[in-house]
Amino acid sequence: MTKAFVCSLCRSGILGGALYLDPQSLTYRTNKLTVDPKYRNLVLPLKDIESLSWKQIVFPVASFHMTDGETYTMLIFNKPRFLKYYEEYKGT
């Protein structure tokens, strides 16, 4: 079952959108036309996420480190709920 979260992608600024988590992938979506098309529907397969790290500035900031070396940083609201389902779907 897909879970939705309010989030912002940190890429050339703070890009508001939504984050969808399901058993196969993590998907960031935004409809903002000023956002590079590559990031408007960004799908991160869970199997390709090598690790997840957190920082707390004002809001929880998650960094997803991918197996290809890329890192995606996002502000994710409701961190406890996100972690509950992320760990369940990721199998950790």
PDB file of N, CA and C in Angstrom:
ATOM      1  N   MET A   1       0.835  -1.173   0.000  1.00  0.00           N
ATOM      2  CA  MET A   1       0.000   0.000   0.000  1.00  0.00           C
ATOM      3  C   MET A   1       0.887   1.246   0.000  1.00  0.00           C
ATOM      4  N   THR A   2       0.570   2.212  -0.816  1.00  0.00           N
ATOM      5  CA  THR A   2       1.340   3.438  -0.944  1.00  0.00           C
ATOM      6  C   THR A   2       1.035   4.384   0.204  1.00  0.00           C
ATOM      7  N   LYS A   3       2.097   4.967   0.775  1.00  0.00           N
ATOM      8  CA  LYS A   3       1.981   5.957   1.840  1.00  0.00           C
ATOM      9  C   LYS A   3       2.471   7.288   1.294  1.00  0.00           C
ATOM     10  N   ALA A   4       1.761   8.377   1.622  1.00  0.00           N
ATOM     11  CA  ALA A   4       2.112   9.703   1.120  1.00  0.00           C
ATOM     12  C   ALA A   4       2.634  10.585   2.248  1.00  0.00           C
ATOM     13  N   PHE A   5       3.606  11.438   1.903  1.00  0.00           N
ATOM     14  CA  PHE A   5       4.221  12.345   2.858  1.00  0.00           C
ATOM     15  C   PHE A   5       4.438  13.697   2.206  1.00  0.00           C
ATOM     16  N   VAL A   6       4.330  14.749   2.993  1.00  0.00           N
ATOM     17  CA  VAL A   6       4.670  16.090   2.526  1.00  0.00           C
ATOM     18  C   VAL A   6       6.184  16.186   2.592  1.00  0.00           C
ATOM     19  N   CYS A   7       6.798  16.670   1.529  1.00  0.00           N
ATOM     20  CA  CYS A   7       8.258  16.766   1.520  1.00  0.00           C
ATOM     21  C   CYS A   7       8.712  17.850   0.558  1.00  0.00           C
ATOM     22  N   SER A   8      10.000  18.146   0.635  1.00  0.00           N
ATOM     23  CA  SER A   8      10.645  19.061  -0.304  1.00  0.00           C
ATOM     24  C   SER A   8      11.978  18.458  -0.701  1.00  0.00           C
ATOM     25  N   LEU A   9      12.239  18.434  -1.983  1.00  0.00           N
ATOM     26  CA  LEU A   9      13.527  17.976  -2.497  1.00  0.00           C
ATOM     27  C   LEU A   9      14.502  19.150  -2.412  1.00  0.00           C
ATOM     28  N   CYS A  10      15.674  18.919  -1.880  1.00  0.00           N
ATOM     29  CA  CYS A  10      16.700  19.961  -1.783  1.00  0.00           C
ATOM     30  C   CYS A  10      17.636  19.818  -2.975  1.00  0.00           C
ATOM     31  N   ARG A  11      17.327  20.519  -4.056  1.00  0.00           N
ATOM     32  CA  ARG A  11      18.090  20.432  -5.295  1.00  0.00           C
ATOM     33  C   ARG A  11      17.948  21.775  -5.986  1.00  0.00           C
ATOM     34  N   SER A  12      18.970  22.585  -5.998  1.00  0.00           N
ATOM     35  CA  SER A  12      18.909  23.948  -6.564  1.00  0.00           C
ATOM     36  C   SER A  12      17.798  24.745  -5.888  1.00  0.00           C
ATOM     37  N   GLY A  13      17.692  24.624  -4.590  1.00  0.00           N
ATOM     38  CA  GLY A  13      16.650  25.277  -3.807  1.00  0.00           C
ATOM     39  C   GLY A  13      15.790  24.233  -3.120  1.00  0.00           C
ATOM     40  N   ILE A  14      14.757  24.694  -2.457  1.00  0.00           N
ATOM     41  CA  ILE A  14      13.827  23.807  -1.765  1.00  0.00           C
ATOM     42  C   ILE A  14      12.610  23.642  -2.674  1.00  0.00           C
ATOM     43  N   LEU A  15      12.395  22.438  -3.173  1.00  0.00           N
ATOM     44  CA  LEU A  15      11.355  22.170  -4.162  1.00  0.00           C
ATOM     45  C   LEU A  15      10.219  21.379  -3.504  1.00  0.00           C
ATOM     46  N   GLY A  16       9.158  22.075  -3.171  1.00  0.00           N
ATOM     47  CA  GLY A  16       8.024  21.435  -2.504  1.00  0.00           C
ATOM     48  C   GLY A  16       7.352  20.403  -3.385  1.00  0.00           C
ATOM     49  N   GLY A  17       6.845  19.370  -2.752  1.00  0.00           N
ATOM     50  CA  GLY A  17       6.159  18.321  -3.490  1.00  0.00           C
ATOM     51  C   GLY A  17       5.628  17.267  -2.538  1.00  0.00           C
ATOM     52  N   ALA A  18       5.485  16.086  -3.044  1.00  0.00           N
ATOM     53  CA  ALA A  18       4.980  14.966  -2.248  1.00  0.00           C
ATOM     54  C   ALA A  18       5.907  13.780  -2.434  1.00  0.00           C
ATOM     55  N   LEU A  19       5.949  12.954  -1.404  1.00  0.00           N
ATOM     56  CA  LEU A  19       6.769  11.756  -1.422  1.00  0.00           C
ATOM     57  C   LEU A  19       5.849  10.565  -1.244  1.00  0.00           C
ATOM     58  N   TYR A  20       5.981   9.580  -2.127  1.00  0.00           N
ATOM     59  CA  TYR A  20       5.147   8.382  -2.073  1.00  0.00           C
ATOM     60  C   TYR A  20       6.048   7.185  -1.832  1.00  0.00           C
ATOM     61  N   LEU A  21       5.698   6.409  -0.828  1.00  0.00           N
ATOM     62  CA  LEU A  21       6.477   5.241  -0.455  1.00  0.00           C
ATOM     63  C   LEU A  21       5.617   3.999  -0.624  1.00  0.00           C
ATOM     64  N   ASP A  22       6.120   3.030  -1.378  1.00  0.00           N
ATOM     65  CA  ASP A  22       5.440   1.745  -1.516  1.00  0.00           C
ATOM     66  C   ASP A  22       6.491   0.648  -1.361  1.00  0.00           C
ATOM     67  N   PRO A  23       6.111  -0.602  -1.353  1.00  0.00           N
ATOM     68  CA  PRO A  23       7.082  -1.678  -1.123  1.00  0.00           C
ATOM     69  C   PRO A  23       8.212  -1.772  -2.157  1.00  0.00           C
ATOM     70  N   GLN A  24       8.079  -1.137  -3.314  1.00  0.00           N
ATOM     71  CA  GLN A  24       9.120  -1.210  -4.341  1.00  0.00           C
ATOM     72  C   GLN A  24       9.954   0.054  -4.472  1.00  0.00           C
ATOM     73  N   SER A  25       9.362   1.224  -4.174  1.00  0.00           N
ATOM     74  CA  SER A  25      10.075   2.461  -4.480  1.00  0.00           C
ATOM     75  C   SER A  25       9.643   3.629  -3.606  1.00  0.00           C
ATOM     76  N   LEU A  26      10.454   4.655  -3.703  1.00  0.00           N
ATOM     77  CA  LEU A  26      10.212   5.943  -3.073  1.00  0.00           C
ATOM     78  C   LEU A  26      10.106   6.926  -4.229  1.00  0.00           C
ATOM     79  N   THR A  27       9.005   7.655  -4.342  1.00  0.00           N
ATOM     80  CA  THR A  27       8.789   8.539  -5.485  1.00  0.00           C
ATOM     81  C   THR A  27       8.501   9.952  -5.019  1.00  0.00           C
ATOM     82  N   TYR A  28       9.306  10.915  -5.504  1.00  0.00           N
ATOM     83  CA  TYR A  28       9.077  12.332  -5.249  1.00  0.00           C
ATOM     84  C   TYR A  28       8.361  12.891  -6.471  1.00  0.00           C
ATOM     85  N   ARG A  29       7.291  13.656  -6.227  1.00  0.00           N
ATOM     86  CA  ARG A  29       6.547  14.263  -7.340  1.00  0.00           C
ATOM     87  C   ARG A  29       6.250  15.720  -7.056  1.00  0.00           C
ATOM     88  N   THR A  30       6.362  16.517  -8.099  1.00  0.00           N
ATOM     89  CA  THR A  30       5.957  17.917  -8.041  1.00  0.00           C
ATOM     90  C   THR A  30       5.415  18.306  -9.415  1.00  0.00           C
ATOM     91  N   ASN A  31       4.541  19.285  -9.425  1.00  0.00           N
ATOM     92  CA  ASN A  31       3.985  19.786 -10.693  1.00  0.00           C
ATOM     93  C   ASN A  31       4.562  21.151 -11.059  1.00  0.00           C
ATOM     94  N   LYS A  32       5.581  21.576 -10.353  1.00  0.00           N
ATOM     95  CA  LYS A  32       6.174  22.887 -10.605  1.00  0.00           C
ATOM     96  C   LYS A  32       6.929  22.875 -11.926  1.00  0.00           C
ATOM     97  N   LEU A  33       6.569  23.781 -12.810  1.00  0.00           N
ATOM     98  CA  LEU A  33       7.182  23.836 -14.138  1.00  0.00           C
ATOM     99  C   LEU A  33       8.622  24.334 -14.097  1.00  0.00           C
ATOM    100  N   THR A  34       9.005  25.006 -13.025  1.00  0.00           N
ATOM    101  CA  THR A  34      10.365  25.527 -12.922  1.00  0.00           C
ATOM    102  C   THR A  34      11.364  24.452 -12.487  1.00  0.00           C
ATOM    103  N   VAL A  35      10.870  23.273 -12.125  1.00  0.00           N
ATOM    104  CA  VAL A  35      11.728  22.170 -11.695  1.00  0.00           C
ATOM    105  C   VAL A  35      12.184  21.369 -12.904  1.00  0.00           C
ATOM    106  N   ASP A  36      13.458  21.021 -12.928  1.00  0.00           N
ATOM    107  CA  ASP A  36      14.014  20.198 -14.007  1.00  0.00           C
ATOM    108  C   ASP A  36      13.141  18.955 -14.182  1.00  0.00           C
ATOM    109  N   PRO A  37      12.744  18.623 -15.420  1.00  0.00           N
ATOM    110  CA  PRO A  37      11.886  17.461 -15.663  1.00  0.00           C
ATOM    111  C   PRO A  37      12.410  16.165 -15.045  1.00  0.00           C
ATOM    112  N   LYS A  38      13.721  16.035 -14.891  1.00  0.00           N
ATOM    113  CA  LYS A  38      14.313  14.840 -14.282  1.00  0.00           C
ATOM    114  C   LYS A  38      13.805  14.634 -12.852  1.00  0.00           C
ATOM    115  N   TYR A  39      13.489  15.737 -12.160  1.00  0.00           N
ATOM    116  CA  TYR A  39      13.091  15.660 -10.757  1.00  0.00           C
ATOM    117  C   TYR A  39      11.587  15.759 -10.530  1.00  0.00           C
ATOM    118  N   ARG A  40      10.806  16.019 -11.558  1.00  0.00           N
ATOM    119  CA  ARG A  40       9.356  16.167 -11.370  1.00  0.00           C
ATOM    120  C   ARG A  40       8.671  14.869 -10.970  1.00  0.00           C
ATOM    121  N   ASN A  41       9.212  13.756 -11.382  1.00  0.00           N
ATOM    122  CA  ASN A  41       8.684  12.439 -11.014  1.00  0.00           C
ATOM    123  C   ASN A  41       9.889  11.521 -10.776  1.00  0.00           C
ATOM    124  N   LEU A  42      10.568  11.761  -9.667  1.00  0.00           N
ATOM    125  CA  LEU A  42      11.816  11.077  -9.349  1.00  0.00           C
ATOM    126  C   LEU A  42      11.516   9.775  -8.611  1.00  0.00           C
ATOM    127  N   VAL A  43      11.848   8.647  -9.236  1.00  0.00           N
ATOM    128  CA  VAL A  43      11.595   7.330  -8.641  1.00  0.00           C
ATOM    129  C   VAL A  43      12.920   6.745  -8.154  1.00  0.00           C
ATOM    130  N   LEU A  44      12.961   6.412  -6.859  1.00  0.00           N
ATOM    131  CA  LEU A  44      14.134   5.779  -6.266  1.00  0.00           C
ATOM    132  C   LEU A  44      13.741   4.368  -5.839  1.00  0.00           C
ATOM    133  N   PRO A  45      14.147   3.342  -6.600  1.00  0.00           N
ATOM    134  CA  PRO A  45      13.822   1.973  -6.196  1.00  0.00           C
ATOM    135  C   PRO A  45      14.453   1.662  -4.832  1.00  0.00           C
ATOM    136  N   LEU A  46      13.688   1.051  -3.941  1.00  0.00           N
ATOM    137  CA  LEU A  46      14.205   0.748  -2.602  1.00  0.00           C
ATOM    138  C   LEU A  46      15.447  -0.128  -2.658  1.00  0.00           C
ATOM    139  N   LYS A  47      15.502  -1.023  -3.628  1.00  0.00           N
ATOM    140  CA  LYS A  47      16.667  -1.917  -3.736  1.00  0.00           C
ATOM    141  C   LYS A  47      17.939  -1.153  -4.106  1.00  0.00           C
ATOM    142  N   ASP A  48      17.803   0.053  -4.661  1.00  0.00           N
ATOM    143  CA  ASP A  48      18.959   0.860  -5.060  1.00  0.00           C
ATOM    144  C   ASP A  48      19.371   1.882  -4.005  1.00  0.00           C
ATOM    145  N   ILE A  49      18.637   1.952  -2.899  1.00  0.00           N
ATOM    146  CA  ILE A  49      19.008   2.860  -1.812  1.00  0.00           C
ATOM    147  C   ILE A  49      19.994   2.131  -0.915  1.00  0.00           C
ATOM    148  N   GLU A  50      21.225   2.610  -0.913  1.00  0.00           N
ATOM    149  CA  GLU A  50      22.286   1.977  -0.134  1.00  0.00           C
ATOM    150  C   GLU A  50      22.158   2.311   1.346  1.00  0.00           C
ATOM    151  N   SER A  51      21.863   3.587   1.637  1.00  0.00           N
ATOM    152  CA  SER A  51      21.699   3.983   3.030  1.00  0.00           C
ATOM    153  C   SER A  51      20.867   5.249   3.137  1.00  0.00           C
ATOM    154  N   LEU A  52      20.418   5.501   4.353  1.00  0.00           N
ATOM    155  CA  LEU A  52      19.612   6.675   4.665  1.00  0.00           C
ATOM    156  C   LEU A  52      20.227   7.317   5.896  1.00  0.00           C
ATOM    157  N   SER A  53      20.493   8.620   5.824  1.00  0.00           N
ATOM    158  CA  SER A  53      21.007   9.338   6.991  1.00  0.00           C
ATOM    159  C   SER A  53      20.113  10.550   7.243  1.00  0.00           C
ATOM    160  N   TRP A  54      20.123  11.021   8.493  1.00  0.00           N
ATOM    161  CA  TRP A  54      19.248  12.123   8.901  1.00  0.00           C
ATOM    162  C   TRP A  54      20.047  13.241   9.545  1.00  0.00           C
ATOM    163  N   LYS A  55      19.558  14.475   9.341  1.00  0.00           N
ATOM    164  CA  LYS A  55      20.015  15.658  10.057  1.00  0.00           C
ATOM    165  C   LYS A  55      18.757  16.353  10.557  1.00  0.00           C
ATOM    166  N   GLN A  56      18.880  17.049  11.648  1.00  0.00           N
ATOM    167  CA  GLN A  56      17.756  17.834  12.160  1.00  0.00           C
ATOM    168  C   GLN A  56      18.203  19.287  12.156  1.00  0.00           C
ATOM    169  N   ILE A  57      17.654  20.071  11.252  1.00  0.00           N
ATOM    170  CA  ILE A  57      17.965  21.500  11.232  1.00  0.00           C
ATOM    171  C   ILE A  57      16.772  22.169  11.917  1.00  0.00           C
ATOM    172  N   VAL A  58      15.778  22.579  11.198  1.00  0.00           N
ATOM    173  CA  VAL A  58      14.500  22.978  11.779  1.00  0.00           C
ATOM    174  C   VAL A  58      13.518  21.835  11.557  1.00  0.00           C
ATOM    175  N   PHE A  59      13.651  21.214  10.401  1.00  0.00           N
ATOM    176  CA  PHE A  59      12.831  20.069  10.033  1.00  0.00           C
ATOM    177  C   PHE A  59      13.755  18.876   9.805  1.00  0.00           C
ATOM    178  N   PRO A  60      13.212  17.654   9.855  1.00  0.00           N
ATOM    179  CA  PRO A  60      14.054  16.485   9.581  1.00  0.00           C
ATOM    180  C   PRO A  60      14.497  16.461   8.112  1.00  0.00           C
ATOM    181  N   VAL A  61      15.786  16.319   7.904  1.00  0.00           N
ATOM    182  CA  VAL A  61      16.351  16.289   6.554  1.00  0.00           C
ATOM    183  C   VAL A  61      16.944  14.904   6.325  1.00  0.00           C
ATOM    184  N   ALA A  62      16.426  14.211   5.325  1.00  0.00           N
ATOM    185  CA  ALA A  62      16.879  12.855   4.997  1.00  0.00           C
ATOM    186  C   ALA A  62      17.778  12.903   3.767  1.00  0.00           C
ATOM    187  N   SER A  63      18.836  12.123   3.796  1.00  0.00           N
ATOM    188  CA  SER A  63      19.707  11.960   2.625  1.00  0.00           C
ATOM    189  C   SER A  63      19.682  10.496   2.215  1.00  0.00           C
ATOM    190  N   PHE A  64      19.250  10.258   0.989  1.00  0.00           N
ATOM    191  CA  PHE A  64      19.199   8.908   0.437  1.00  0.00           C
ATOM    192  C   PHE A  64      20.441   8.707  -0.419  1.00  0.00           C
ATOM    193  N   HIS A  65      21.291   7.795  -0.009  1.00  0.00           N
ATOM    194  CA  HIS A  65      22.534   7.498  -0.717  1.00  0.00           C
ATOM    195  C   HIS A  65      22.274   6.278  -1.598  1.00  0.00           C
ATOM    196  N   MET A  66      22.414   6.470  -2.897  1.00  0.00           N
ATOM    197  CA  MET A  66      22.093   5.436  -3.866  1.00  0.00           C
ATOM    198  C   MET A  66      23.324   4.590  -4.206  1.00  0.00           C
ATOM    199  N   THR A  67      23.078   3.394  -4.712  1.00  0.00           N
ATOM    200  CA  THR A  67      24.175   2.497  -5.085  1.00  0.00           C
ATOM    201  C   THR A  67      24.997   3.051  -6.249  1.00  0.00           C
ATOM    202  N   ASP A  68      24.430   3.957  -7.055  1.00  0.00           N
ATOM    203  CA  ASP A  68      25.171   4.547  -8.175  1.00  0.00           C
ATOM    204  C   ASP A  68      26.007   5.758  -7.757  1.00  0.00           C
ATOM    205  N   GLY A  69      26.023   6.076  -6.433  1.00  0.00           N
ATOM    206  CA  GLY A  69      26.823   7.189  -5.941  1.00  0.00           C
ATOM    207  C   GLY A  69      26.059   8.490  -5.790  1.00  0.00           C
ATOM    208  N   GLU A  70      24.874   8.584  -6.345  1.00  0.00           N
ATOM    209  CA  GLU A  70      24.045   9.789  -6.244  1.00  0.00           C
ATOM    210  C   GLU A  70      23.458   9.892  -4.842  1.00  0.00           C
ATOM    211  N   THR A  71      23.253  11.122  -4.375  1.00  0.00           N
ATOM    212  CA  THR A  71      22.597  11.366  -3.091  1.00  0.00           C
ATOM    213  C   THR A  71      21.454  12.343  -3.310  1.00  0.00           C
ATOM    214  N   TYR A  72      20.293  12.018  -2.778  1.00  0.00           N
ATOM    215  CA  TYR A  72      19.115  12.878  -2.852  1.00  0.00           C
ATOM    216  C   TYR A  72      18.748  13.303  -1.442  1.00  0.00           C
ATOM    217  N   THR A  73      18.654  14.607  -1.219  1.00  0.00           N
ATOM    218  CA  THR A  73      18.356  15.152   0.098  1.00  0.00           C
ATOM    219  C   THR A  73      16.948  15.734   0.081  1.00  0.00           C
ATOM    220  N   MET A  74      16.164  15.389   1.117  1.00  0.00           N
ATOM    221  CA  MET A  74      14.769  15.830   1.194  1.00  0.00           C
ATOM    222  C   MET A  74      14.389  16.195   2.617  1.00  0.00           C
ATOM    223  N   LEU A  75      13.570  17.231   2.746  1.00  0.00           N
ATOM    224  CA  LEU A  75      12.911  17.514   4.014  1.00  0.00           C
ATOM    225  C   LEU A  75      11.666  16.648   4.027  1.00  0.00           C
ATOM    226  N   ILE A  76      11.513  15.830   5.048  1.00  0.00           N
ATOM    227  CA  ILE A  76      10.354  14.944   5.124  1.00  0.00           C
ATOM    228  C   ILE A  76       9.622  15.220   6.430  1.00  0.00           C
ATOM    229  N   PHE A  77       8.363  15.589   6.300  1.00  0.00           N
ATOM    230  CA  PHE A  77       7.559  15.866   7.482  1.00  0.00           C
ATOM    231  C   PHE A  77       6.957  14.559   7.999  1.00  0.00           C
ATOM    232  N   ASN A  78       6.781  14.474   9.303  1.00  0.00           N
ATOM    233  CA  ASN A  78       6.297  13.272  10.001  1.00  0.00           C
ATOM    234  C   ASN A  78       7.321  12.139   9.884  1.00  0.00           C
ATOM    235  N   LYS A  79       8.528  12.439  10.346  1.00  0.00           N
ATOM    236  CA  LYS A  79       9.634  11.472  10.302  1.00  0.00           C
ATOM    237  C   LYS A  79       9.291  10.136  10.961  1.00  0.00           C
ATOM    238  N   PRO A  80       8.666  10.116  12.154  1.00  0.00           N
ATOM    239  CA  PRO A  80       8.374   8.814  12.772  1.00  0.00           C
ATOM    240  C   PRO A  80       7.502   7.913  11.895  1.00  0.00           C
ATOM    241  N   ARG A  81       6.475   8.491  11.273  1.00  0.00           N
ATOM    242  CA  ARG A  81       5.602   7.704  10.389  1.00  0.00           C
ATOM    243  C   ARG A  81       6.373   7.236   9.161  1.00  0.00           C
ATOM    244  N   PHE A  82       7.189   8.132   8.577  1.00  0.00           N
ATOM    245  CA  PHE A  82       7.981   7.754   7.416  1.00  0.00           C
ATOM    246  C   PHE A  82       8.904   6.586   7.755  1.00  0.00           C
ATOM    247  N   LEU A  83       9.643   6.706   8.868  1.00  0.00           N
ATOM    248  CA  LEU A  83      10.580   5.645   9.248  1.00  0.00           C
ATOM    249  C   LEU A  83       9.887   4.316   9.500  1.00  0.00           C
ATOM    250  N   LYS A  84       8.718   4.372  10.102  1.00  0.00           N
ATOM    251  CA  LYS A  84       7.966   3.139  10.363  1.00  0.00           C
ATOM    252  C   LYS A  84       7.745   2.359   9.069  1.00  0.00           C
ATOM    253  N   TYR A  85       7.229   3.022   8.045  1.00  0.00           N
ATOM    254  CA  TYR A  85       6.928   2.343   6.780  1.00  0.00           C
ATOM    255  C   TYR A  85       8.174   2.094   5.942  1.00  0.00           C
ATOM    256  N   TYR A  86       9.139   3.012   5.982  1.00  0.00           N
ATOM    257  CA  TYR A  86      10.389   2.803   5.232  1.00  0.00           C
ATOM    258  C   TYR A  86      11.078   1.531   5.720  1.00  0.00           C
ATOM    259  N   GLU A  87      11.204   1.384   7.021  1.00  0.00           N
ATOM    260  CA  GLU A  87      11.866   0.213   7.581  1.00  0.00           C
ATOM    261  C   GLU A  87      11.063  -1.061   7.295  1.00  0.00           C
ATOM    262  N   GLU A  88       9.748  -0.945   7.339  1.00  0.00           N
ATOM    263  CA  GLU A  88       8.902  -2.113   7.032  1.00  0.00           C
ATOM    264  C   GLU A  88       9.090  -2.537   5.574  1.00  0.00           C
ATOM    265  N   TYR A  89       9.033  -1.579   4.649  1.00  0.00           N
ATOM    266  CA  TYR A  89       9.134  -1.900   3.226  1.00  0.00           C
ATOM    267  C   TYR A  89      10.551  -2.293   2.818  1.00  0.00           C
ATOM    268  N   LYS A  90      11.539  -1.654   3.441  1.00  0.00           N
ATOM    269  CA  LYS A  90      12.931  -1.934   3.109  1.00  0.00           C
ATOM    270  C   LYS A  90      13.406  -3.246   3.737  1.00  0.00           C
ATOM    271  N   GLY A  91      12.714  -3.673   4.782  1.00  0.00           N
ATOM    272  CA  GLY A  91      13.072  -4.934   5.424  1.00  0.00           C
ATOM    273  C   GLY A  91      14.201  -4.786   6.431  1.00  0.00           C
ATOM    274  N   THR A  92      14.330  -3.590   7.017  1.00  0.00           N
ATOM    275  CA  THR A  92      15.390  -3.376   8.007  1.00  0.00           C
ATOM    276  C   THR A  92      14.828  -3.311   9.409  1.00  0.00           C
TER     277      THR A  92
END
